[in-house]
Amino acid sequence: MDAVLALAIGGSTALGDGGAGRAFGPHEIAYFGWQPPLWFAIPLGVLVGTAVWWRRRWPALVVLLGVVAWVSVAAFVAVLFAQYNLAERTRSWRPVAVSTVLTAIVVGVPIWGAGGADAAGPLSAGICAGPALLGLYIGTRRELIARVRERAERVEREQNQRILQARSEERAQIARDMHDVVTHRVSLIVLHATALEATQGQDAVAIGRRVGTIGREALEELRSLVNVLRTDEAAPVAPHPGLADLADLVAASRRIGLPVTFDLTDESGTRPPALIDHALYRVAQEALTNVHKHAAGARTHVRVTHTPETLCLVVSNDRGRGPAGTGLPGGGHGLLGIAERVRLVGGRLTAGPSPHGGFEITATVPLTPRPDSENLR
């Protein structure tokens, strides 16, 4: 397109537009009543064509050479294109207005002399103002479309970033769930194996059945979590366990010899939000796992208090009556992980030695909306 425009306008200028701009009716309106020689017309056409080629970088130069072409060889096509190009490429209307006024004066002077103001006004406006207005419209429309497209692309990028961030957060959540599942289930398996060794084979069938059940449950939970990590789409996973499953969790600990009592006080009559429900279940799971690891045989009490305003979970244990250690490794990240879970749902977790020589973990989550946690999801 650039080459076609440069050749067309340069050739038209060299030919003086075929003499179309030299006369107005019977009146001569050219500045010079001569037939331009080739040595002048061809270089002028080359200059105008070159300026058209570089019109995006130097639009004012195209206007200047267009005026020169009009004055010297009465070529008005170059003026038409120069006014349109300047208006399209210039974002401000002031230089366009100045160029239009000056060009209209140069174009209108010979027409005024031949046909008066009635002829000079419309022709000058048609040659100078008309292309300028069209260029302003096209340039403004192009800029508006570019801004709309840029805004749409920016919104799309931000949306993609939010999606990636949500996926990353969900994968981090799944990683914490995997830690909880592996730690708790494997701890139970190791403790059952220890019990089997201590009993020298007695009740081997019952203990083996329990180990198999625990292993299958762990595999099912891990498989559902890994399916989410492998696919970008939502995988059909089972609902996250919550406080309603605490009785089963406590029963599993009782079966391996841990004396655990469970007390639930529900004054609200409603189920807490899913994130809070799951977070406190993980707190209880981590707390019982730590009792198995570090205080085997200790009397443990799990207490849940659910009011319309708060949800409180307390897991406390006495000194362990069994061996000091069970051989289970500890990464040191369990309490940090559940503390972060509770914090993300707007609650607070405290953990430390109790006055009677044991250990106590308390998680408290407010259920009424607070100004500083309205955006937590």
Protein backbone atom coordinates (compact mmCIF):
# COMPACT_ATOMS: atom_id res chain seq x y z
CA MET A 1 0.00 0.00 0.00
CA ASP A 2 2.84 2.41 0.78
CA ALA A 3 4.45 1.73 -2.59
CA VAL A 4 1.16 2.16 -4.47
CA LEU A 5 0.42 5.47 -2.73
CA ALA A 6 3.94 6.77 -3.28
CA LEU A 7 3.91 5.89 -7.02
CA ALA A 8 0.35 7.14 -7.60
CA ILE A 9 0.72 10.50 -5.86
CA GLY A 10 4.27 11.06 -7.10
CA GLY A 11 3.26 10.28 -10.69
CA SER A 12 0.14 12.46 -10.44
CA THR A 13 2.26 15.34 -9.16
CA ALA A 14 4.81 14.92 -11.96
CA LEU A 15 1.98 15.06 -14.50
CA GLY A 16 0.39 18.08 -12.83
CA ASP A 17 -2.80 16.04 -12.23
CA GLY A 18 -3.31 16.07 -15.97
CA GLY A 19 -3.98 19.82 -15.90
CA ALA A 20 -7.20 19.39 -13.85
CA GLY A 21 -6.13 22.07 -11.38
CA ARG A 22 -4.86 24.69 -13.82
CA ALA A 23 -8.18 26.25 -14.82
CA PHE A 24 -11.53 27.10 -13.26
CA GLY A 25 -13.95 27.17 -16.14
CA PRO A 26 -12.53 29.60 -18.69
CA HIS A 27 -10.24 31.17 -16.06
CA GLU A 28 -6.62 30.17 -15.48
CA ILE A 29 -5.99 29.66 -11.71
CA ALA A 30 -2.40 28.31 -11.78
CA TYR A 31 0.23 30.42 -10.09
CA PHE A 32 2.50 30.04 -13.12
CA GLY A 33 1.14 29.85 -16.67
CA TRP A 34 3.81 27.45 -17.91
CA GLN A 35 4.14 23.84 -18.87
CA PRO A 36 6.65 22.39 -16.36
CA PRO A 37 9.66 20.82 -18.08
CA LEU A 38 10.53 17.21 -17.34
CA TRP A 39 13.72 18.17 -15.50
CA PHE A 40 11.50 19.94 -12.94
CA ALA A 41 8.31 17.84 -12.89
CA ILE A 42 9.99 14.44 -12.49
CA PRO A 43 12.25 15.39 -9.53
CA LEU A 44 9.26 17.10 -7.88
CA GLY A 45 7.17 13.93 -8.30
CA VAL A 46 10.02 11.87 -6.86
CA LEU A 47 10.25 14.17 -3.83
CA VAL A 48 6.50 14.04 -3.25
CA GLY A 49 6.46 10.24 -3.66
CA THR A 50 9.37 9.86 -1.23
CA ALA A 51 7.60 12.06 1.32
CA VAL A 52 4.45 9.94 0.93
CA TRP A 53 6.54 6.83 1.57
CA TRP A 54 7.78 8.35 4.85
CA ARG A 55 4.46 10.01 5.66
CA ARG A 56 4.09 8.36 9.08
CA ARG A 57 7.36 9.83 10.34
CA TRP A 58 7.14 13.29 8.71
CA PRO A 59 3.50 14.21 7.98
CA ALA A 60 4.28 17.95 8.00
CA LEU A 61 6.83 17.44 5.20
CA VAL A 62 4.11 15.92 3.02
CA VAL A 63 1.98 19.04 3.58
CA LEU A 64 4.89 21.34 2.68
CA LEU A 65 5.69 19.45 -0.54
CA GLY A 66 1.98 19.31 -1.39
CA VAL A 67 1.78 23.12 -1.17
CA VAL A 68 4.92 23.38 -3.31
CA ALA A 69 3.33 21.05 -5.88
CA TRP A 70 0.18 23.20 -5.96
CA VAL A 71 2.07 26.45 -6.38
CA SER A 72 4.51 25.15 -9.00
CA VAL A 73 2.52 22.70 -11.14
CA ALA A 74 -1.10 23.17 -9.88
CA ALA A 75 -1.26 19.60 -8.53
CA PHE A 76 -4.00 19.48 -5.87
CA VAL A 77 -4.09 15.69 -5.28
CA ALA A 78 -0.93 15.94 -3.20
CA VAL A 79 -2.60 18.66 -1.09
CA LEU A 80 -5.68 16.47 -0.52
CA PHE A 81 -3.59 13.53 0.62
CA ALA A 82 -1.25 15.68 2.73
CA GLN A 83 -4.14 17.20 4.71
CA TYR A 84 -5.73 13.79 5.31
CA ASN A 85 -2.42 12.23 6.36
CA LEU A 86 -1.56 15.03 8.79
CA ALA A 87 -4.98 14.90 10.47
CA GLU A 88 -4.91 11.10 10.72
CA ARG A 89 -1.43 10.97 12.22
CA THR A 90 -1.68 13.96 14.56
CA ARG A 91 -3.52 13.51 17.85
CA SER A 92 -3.91 17.23 18.48
CA TRP A 93 -6.33 19.32 16.41
CA ARG A 94 -4.23 22.51 16.71
CA PRO A 95 -1.55 21.67 14.12
CA VAL A 96 -4.30 20.38 11.83
CA ALA A 97 -6.19 23.67 12.17
CA VAL A 98 -3.05 25.73 11.47
CA SER A 99 -2.17 23.61 8.45
CA THR A 100 -5.73 23.81 7.12
CA VAL A 101 -5.89 27.61 7.39
CA LEU A 102 -2.48 28.19 5.78
CA THR A 103 -3.07 25.65 3.01
CA ALA A 104 -6.53 27.04 2.31
CA ILE A 105 -5.05 30.52 1.91
CA VAL A 106 -2.41 29.27 -0.54
CA VAL A 107 -4.97 27.25 -2.50
CA GLY A 108 -7.67 29.91 -2.42
CA VAL A 109 -5.67 32.96 -3.55
CA PRO A 110 -5.63 32.14 -7.31
CA ILE A 111 -9.20 30.83 -7.20
CA TRP A 112 -10.35 34.04 -5.48
CA GLY A 113 -8.71 36.07 -8.20
CA ALA A 114 -10.47 34.09 -10.92
CA GLY A 115 -13.93 33.45 -9.49
CA GLY A 116 -14.24 35.49 -6.29
CA ALA A 117 -15.12 34.42 -2.79
CA ASP A 118 -18.07 32.27 -3.92
CA ALA A 119 -15.67 29.99 -5.77
CA ALA A 120 -12.65 30.24 -3.45
CA GLY A 121 -14.51 29.30 -0.28
CA PRO A 122 -16.09 25.97 -1.32
CA LEU A 123 -13.10 24.82 -3.35
CA SER A 124 -10.57 25.65 -0.64
CA ALA A 125 -12.75 23.94 1.96
CA GLY A 126 -13.14 20.88 -0.26
CA ILE A 127 -9.42 20.60 -0.95
CA CYS A 128 -8.08 21.49 2.53
CA ALA A 129 -10.77 21.17 5.23
CA GLY A 130 -12.65 18.11 3.93
CA PRO A 131 -9.67 15.70 3.94
CA ALA A 132 -8.55 17.11 7.30
CA LEU A 133 -11.94 16.37 8.92
CA LEU A 134 -11.98 12.88 7.43
CA GLY A 135 -8.44 12.26 8.71
CA LEU A 136 -9.38 13.45 12.20
CA TYR A 137 -12.34 11.07 12.23
CA ILE A 138 -10.35 8.08 10.99
CA GLY A 139 -7.44 8.78 13.35
CA THR A 140 -9.69 9.24 16.37
CA ARG A 141 -11.64 6.11 15.55
CA ARG A 142 -8.43 4.10 15.12
CA GLU A 143 -7.08 5.38 18.45
CA LEU A 144 -10.36 4.56 20.18
CA ILE A 145 -10.38 1.03 18.77
CA ALA A 146 -6.74 0.58 19.82
CA ARG A 147 -7.55 1.71 23.36
CA VAL A 148 -10.56 -0.57 23.58
CA ARG A 149 -8.49 -3.49 22.29
CA GLU A 150 -5.68 -2.71 24.73
CA ARG A 151 -8.13 -2.48 27.61
CA ALA A 152 -9.73 -5.79 26.60
CA GLU A 153 -6.32 -7.45 26.35
CA ARG A 154 -5.32 -6.04 29.74
CA VAL A 155 -8.54 -7.31 31.31
CA GLU A 156 -7.94 -10.71 29.73
CA ARG A 157 -4.35 -10.78 31.04
CA GLU A 158 -5.51 -9.83 34.52
CA GLN A 159 -8.22 -12.47 34.37
CA ASN A 160 -5.66 -15.09 33.33
CA GLN A 161 -3.40 -13.99 36.16
CA ARG A 162 -6.26 -14.31 38.62
CA ILE A 163 -7.04 -17.78 37.29
CA LEU A 164 -3.39 -18.82 37.59
CA GLN A 165 -3.20 -17.38 41.10
CA ALA A 166 -6.38 -19.21 42.11
CA ARG A 167 -4.99 -22.45 40.69
CA SER A 168 -1.73 -21.92 42.53
CA GLU A 169 -3.53 -21.26 45.80
CA GLU A 170 -5.73 -24.31 45.29
CA ARG A 171 -2.69 -26.48 44.59
CA ALA A 172 -1.03 -25.15 47.75
CA GLN A 173 -4.19 -26.03 49.66
CA ILE A 174 -4.15 -29.52 48.14
CA ALA A 175 -0.48 -29.89 49.09
CA ARG A 176 -1.38 -29.10 52.70
CA ASP A 177 -4.21 -31.64 52.53
CA MET A 178 -1.79 -34.25 51.21
CA HIS A 179 0.57 -33.52 54.08
CA ASP A 180 -2.25 -33.99 56.57
CA VAL A 181 -3.49 -37.19 54.92
CA VAL A 182 -0.05 -38.78 54.65
CA THR A 183 1.06 -37.77 58.13
CA HIS A 184 -2.07 -38.96 59.88
CA ARG A 185 -2.67 -42.18 57.98
CA VAL A 186 0.97 -43.29 57.94
CA SER A 187 1.24 -42.52 61.64
CA LEU A 188 -1.70 -44.82 62.30
CA ILE A 189 -0.16 -47.55 60.14
CA VAL A 190 3.19 -47.32 61.98
CA LEU A 191 1.47 -47.36 65.35
CA HIS A 192 -0.53 -50.45 64.37
CA ALA A 193 2.68 -52.13 63.25
CA THR A 194 4.27 -51.23 66.59
CA ALA A 195 1.28 -52.68 68.43
CA LEU A 196 1.52 -55.85 66.36
CA GLU A 197 5.19 -56.18 67.27
CA ALA A 198 4.49 -55.51 70.95
CA THR A 199 1.76 -58.19 71.12
CA GLN A 200 4.03 -60.72 69.39
CA GLY A 201 1.43 -61.69 66.80
CA GLN A 202 -1.67 -61.70 68.97
CA ASP A 203 -4.75 -60.27 67.27
CA ALA A 204 -2.68 -60.14 64.07
CA VAL A 205 -5.71 -60.59 61.84
CA ALA A 206 -7.68 -57.74 63.44
CA ILE A 207 -4.70 -55.41 63.42
CA GLY A 208 -3.90 -56.32 59.82
CA ARG A 209 -7.49 -55.60 58.83
CA ARG A 210 -7.26 -52.17 60.47
CA VAL A 211 -3.98 -51.45 58.71
CA GLY A 212 -5.51 -52.40 55.38
CA THR A 213 -8.53 -50.17 56.01
CA ILE A 214 -6.32 -47.24 56.92
CA GLY A 215 -4.14 -47.80 53.86
CA ARG A 216 -7.11 -47.95 51.50
CA GLU A 217 -8.58 -44.76 52.97
CA ALA A 218 -5.23 -43.01 52.56
CA LEU A 219 -4.93 -44.16 48.95
CA GLU A 220 -8.44 -43.00 48.11
CA GLU A 221 -7.83 -39.54 49.57
CA LEU A 222 -4.45 -39.21 47.89
CA ARG A 223 -5.86 -40.38 44.56
CA SER A 224 -8.60 -37.75 44.66
CA LEU A 225 -6.10 -35.00 45.52
CA VAL A 226 -3.62 -36.07 42.84
CA ASN A 227 -6.39 -36.08 40.23
CA VAL A 228 -6.95 -32.40 40.93
CA LEU A 229 -3.25 -31.67 40.52
CA ARG A 230 -3.06 -33.55 37.20
CA THR A 231 -5.97 -31.78 35.51
CA ASP A 232 -6.92 -28.15 35.10
CA GLU A 233 -10.59 -29.03 35.22
CA ALA A 234 -12.48 -29.80 38.38
CA ALA A 235 -12.08 -33.43 39.32
CA PRO A 236 -14.90 -35.42 40.93
CA VAL A 237 -13.55 -35.54 44.49
CA ALA A 238 -15.33 -36.41 47.70
CA PRO A 239 -16.40 -33.61 50.04
CA HIS A 240 -13.74 -32.43 52.45
CA PRO A 241 -14.11 -33.91 55.94
CA GLY A 242 -15.39 -31.58 58.64
CA LEU A 243 -16.39 -31.46 62.27
CA ALA A 244 -19.13 -34.02 61.59
CA ASP A 245 -16.34 -36.53 60.92
CA LEU A 246 -14.52 -35.89 64.20
CA ALA A 247 -16.30 -38.81 65.88
CA ASP A 248 -14.82 -41.21 63.30
CA LEU A 249 -11.39 -39.60 63.72
CA VAL A 250 -11.57 -40.03 67.50
CA ALA A 251 -12.80 -43.61 67.12
CA ALA A 252 -9.81 -44.43 64.91
CA SER A 253 -7.47 -43.16 67.61
CA ARG A 254 -9.28 -45.20 70.27
CA ARG A 255 -8.85 -48.36 68.21
CA ILE A 256 -5.08 -48.09 68.43
CA GLY A 257 -5.09 -47.62 72.18
CA LEU A 258 -5.22 -43.85 72.65
CA PRO A 259 -7.73 -42.90 75.37
CA VAL A 260 -9.60 -40.07 73.72
CA THR A 261 -12.81 -38.41 74.84
CA PHE A 262 -14.92 -36.25 72.59
CA ASP A 263 -17.29 -33.50 73.66
CA LEU A 264 -19.42 -31.44 71.27
CA THR A 265 -21.48 -28.44 72.39
CA ASP A 266 -23.60 -27.01 69.59
CA GLU A 267 -25.61 -23.94 70.53
CA SER A 268 -26.12 -22.68 66.98
CA GLY A 269 -27.89 -25.59 65.31
CA THR A 270 -26.27 -24.80 61.96
CA ARG A 271 -23.26 -26.13 60.12
CA PRO A 272 -20.28 -23.75 59.95
CA PRO A 273 -18.91 -22.56 56.59
CA ALA A 274 -17.13 -25.28 54.63
CA LEU A 275 -13.65 -23.70 54.82
CA ILE A 276 -13.87 -23.26 58.60
CA ASP A 277 -15.34 -26.73 59.03
CA HIS A 278 -12.51 -28.35 57.07
CA ALA A 279 -9.79 -26.22 58.68
CA LEU A 280 -10.79 -27.22 62.24
CA TYR A 281 -11.01 -30.86 61.22
CA ARG A 282 -7.41 -30.65 60.03
CA VAL A 283 -6.43 -29.01 63.33
CA ALA A 284 -7.92 -31.93 65.27
CA GLN A 285 -6.27 -34.43 62.93
CA GLU A 286 -2.84 -32.82 63.31
CA ALA A 287 -3.25 -32.57 67.09
CA LEU A 288 -4.14 -36.27 67.47
CA THR A 289 -1.27 -37.23 65.17
CA ASN A 290 1.12 -35.28 67.40
CA VAL A 291 -0.25 -37.07 70.48
CA HIS A 292 0.42 -40.40 68.77
CA LYS A 293 3.96 -39.29 67.97
CA HIS A 294 5.07 -37.58 71.15
CA ALA A 295 2.74 -38.68 73.98
CA ALA A 296 1.68 -42.24 73.28
CA GLY A 297 -1.00 -43.45 75.66
CA ALA A 298 -1.76 -39.98 77.04
CA ARG A 299 -5.33 -39.26 78.00
CA THR A 300 -6.63 -36.82 75.40
CA HIS A 301 -9.75 -34.72 75.28
CA VAL A 302 -11.26 -33.15 72.15
CA ARG A 303 -13.79 -30.42 72.84
CA VAL A 304 -15.78 -28.45 70.27
CA THR A 305 -17.91 -25.46 71.23
CA HIS A 306 -20.11 -24.06 68.49
CA THR A 307 -22.01 -20.85 69.23
CA PRO A 308 -23.65 -18.42 66.80
CA GLU A 309 -20.66 -16.09 67.23
CA THR A 310 -17.63 -18.39 67.44
CA LEU A 311 -16.41 -21.91 66.79
CA CYS A 312 -13.77 -23.18 69.18
CA LEU A 313 -11.80 -26.43 69.07
CA VAL A 314 -9.58 -27.53 71.96
CA VAL A 315 -7.38 -30.65 71.89
CA SER A 316 -5.54 -31.27 75.16
CA ASN A 317 -3.58 -34.24 76.45
CA ASP A 318 -1.81 -35.32 79.63
CA ARG A 319 1.71 -36.62 79.90
CA GLY A 320 2.25 -39.70 77.81
CA ARG A 321 2.29 -43.04 79.64
CA GLY A 322 3.95 -44.91 76.82
CA PRO A 323 7.46 -44.68 75.39
CA ALA A 324 8.87 -41.18 74.92
CA GLY A 325 9.04 -41.60 71.17
CA THR A 326 7.48 -43.87 68.57
CA GLY A 327 10.11 -43.53 65.86
CA LEU A 328 7.84 -41.41 63.67
CA PRO A 329 9.68 -38.57 61.92
CA GLY A 330 8.45 -35.05 62.30
CA GLY A 331 8.97 -32.31 59.72
CA GLY A 332 8.19 -29.49 62.10
CA HIS A 333 5.68 -27.99 59.68
CA GLY A 334 2.42 -29.45 60.98
CA LEU A 335 1.59 -26.75 63.51
CA LEU A 336 2.73 -24.03 61.13
CA GLY A 337 0.45 -25.41 58.43
CA ILE A 338 -2.68 -25.60 60.59
CA ALA A 339 -1.94 -22.18 62.06
CA GLU A 340 -1.88 -20.75 58.54
CA ARG A 341 -5.14 -22.54 57.72
CA VAL A 342 -6.86 -21.03 60.74
CA ARG A 343 -5.46 -17.60 59.99
CA LEU A 344 -6.76 -17.71 56.41
CA VAL A 345 -10.32 -18.24 57.66
CA GLY A 346 -10.01 -15.31 60.07
CA GLY A 347 -9.26 -17.28 63.24
CA ARG A 348 -6.44 -17.72 65.71
CA LEU A 349 -4.54 -20.80 66.85
CA THR A 350 -2.55 -21.18 70.05
CA ALA A 351 -0.41 -24.18 70.96
CA GLY A 352 1.76 -24.82 73.97
CA PRO A 353 2.29 -26.75 77.19
CA SER A 354 -0.69 -27.00 79.52
CA PRO A 355 -0.53 -26.36 83.29
CA HIS A 356 -0.92 -30.08 84.08
CA GLY A 357 2.21 -31.01 82.13
CA GLY A 358 0.64 -31.98 78.85
CA PHE A 359 0.01 -30.07 75.66
CA GLU A 360 -2.95 -28.08 74.40
CA ILE A 361 -3.98 -26.73 71.01
CA THR A 362 -6.81 -24.19 70.75
CA ALA A 363 -8.32 -22.90 67.52
CA THR A 364 -10.94 -20.15 67.68
CA VAL A 365 -12.70 -18.80 64.60
CA PRO A 366 -15.30 -15.99 64.72
CA LEU A 367 -18.41 -16.73 62.69
CA THR A 368 -19.79 -13.17 62.56
CA PRO A 369 -18.48 -10.99 59.67
CA ARG A 370 -15.73 -8.55 60.58
CA PRO A 371 -14.65 -5.46 58.61
CA ASP A 372 -11.11 -6.77 58.24
CA SER A 373 -12.17 -10.18 56.93
CA GLU A 374 -15.03 -9.44 54.59
CA ASN A 375 -12.94 -10.34 51.56
CA LEU A 376 -11.67 -13.67 52.93
CA ARG A 377 -13.03 -16.53 50.91
